[in-house]
Every structure is written in structure tokens, then in C-alpha cells.
Amino acid sequence: MYLLIDVTTGKIVASGSIPDIEKETEIPRTRLHWSYNMNTKIMNGQYKLIKNEGDKL
């Protein structure tokens, strides 16, 4: 599971799989993948995608 964070407020905007977040936010999955893989902010520096480490067993 992934979390889309609004870095200006620190709040979780969306969570779930990348396709789920894409549907909920209308941010293309290529940009979401890029944010996660490059560990960088997207959409004018407002959002960042991270993997929820609480998923590990």
C-alpha cells in the first residue's frame, strides 16, 4: 500500500495501490511511479508518494 502525502500540510491525501490513488486523485500513474522511484515531490512540489512500511509482516 502507498500513501500520497501533501507535503505542505503533512496530511495523507490518498492511500492504496497506485491504480487506486490514480483513480481517486486523477494524477497519472506514471507521475506517481516517478515520485516513488525518484523519492521526489510532484505536482508543483505539493505531493509525494511513499510506501507504507506498516504493510510488512
Protein backbone atom coordinates (compact mmCIF):
# COMPACT_ATOMS: atom_id res chain seq x y z
CA MET A 1 0.00 0.00 0.00
CA TYR A 2 1.16 3.51 -0.83
CA LEU A 3 0.41 6.87 0.74
CA LEU A 4 0.14 10.14 -1.15
CA ILE A 5 1.23 12.89 1.22
CA ASP A 6 0.54 16.62 0.87
CA VAL A 7 3.95 17.90 1.92
CA THR A 8 2.61 21.40 2.65
CA THR A 9 0.21 20.13 5.34
CA GLY A 10 1.68 16.71 6.18
CA LYS A 11 -1.72 15.07 5.65
CA ILE A 12 -2.43 11.84 3.77
CA VAL A 13 -4.37 12.73 0.61
CA ALA A 14 -4.92 9.18 -0.64
CA SER A 15 -3.83 5.63 0.14
CA GLY A 16 -3.94 2.25 -1.54
CA SER A 17 -2.42 0.81 -4.68
CA ILE A 18 -1.03 3.13 -7.34
CA PRO A 19 -4.05 2.48 -9.65
CA ASP A 20 -6.40 3.27 -6.72
CA ILE A 21 -4.59 6.54 -5.98
CA GLU A 22 -4.65 7.42 -9.69
CA LYS A 23 -8.44 6.97 -9.80
CA GLU A 24 -9.01 8.93 -6.59
CA THR A 25 -6.72 11.88 -7.39
CA GLU A 26 -6.60 11.83 -11.22
CA ILE A 27 -2.78 12.09 -11.01
CA PRO A 28 -1.38 9.86 -13.79
CA ARG A 29 0.24 6.69 -12.50
CA THR A 30 3.44 7.49 -14.42
CA ARG A 31 3.87 10.57 -12.20
CA LEU A 32 3.05 8.55 -9.09
CA HIS A 33 5.63 5.90 -10.04
CA TRP A 34 8.16 8.64 -10.74
CA SER A 35 7.56 10.27 -7.35
CA TYR A 36 8.06 6.97 -5.54
CA ASN A 37 11.03 5.70 -7.58
CA MET A 38 12.90 9.02 -7.56
CA ASN A 39 11.84 9.90 -3.98
CA THR A 40 10.72 13.31 -5.16
CA LYS A 41 7.75 15.67 -4.97
CA ILE A 42 5.26 16.02 -7.83
CA MET A 43 2.51 18.43 -8.87
CA ASN A 44 4.47 21.65 -8.22
CA GLY A 45 6.14 20.19 -5.16
CA GLN A 46 2.90 19.62 -3.29
CA TYR A 47 2.68 15.80 -3.16
CA LYS A 48 5.00 12.89 -2.51
CA LEU A 49 4.26 9.17 -2.82
CA ILE A 50 5.72 6.86 -0.19
CA LYS A 51 5.30 3.18 0.57
CA ASN A 52 3.51 2.43 3.81
CA GLU A 53 6.07 0.42 5.78
CA GLY A 54 3.32 -0.86 8.10
CA ASP A 55 2.46 -3.43 5.43
CA LYS A 56 5.47 -5.64 6.24
CA LEU A 57 4.72 -8.90 8.06
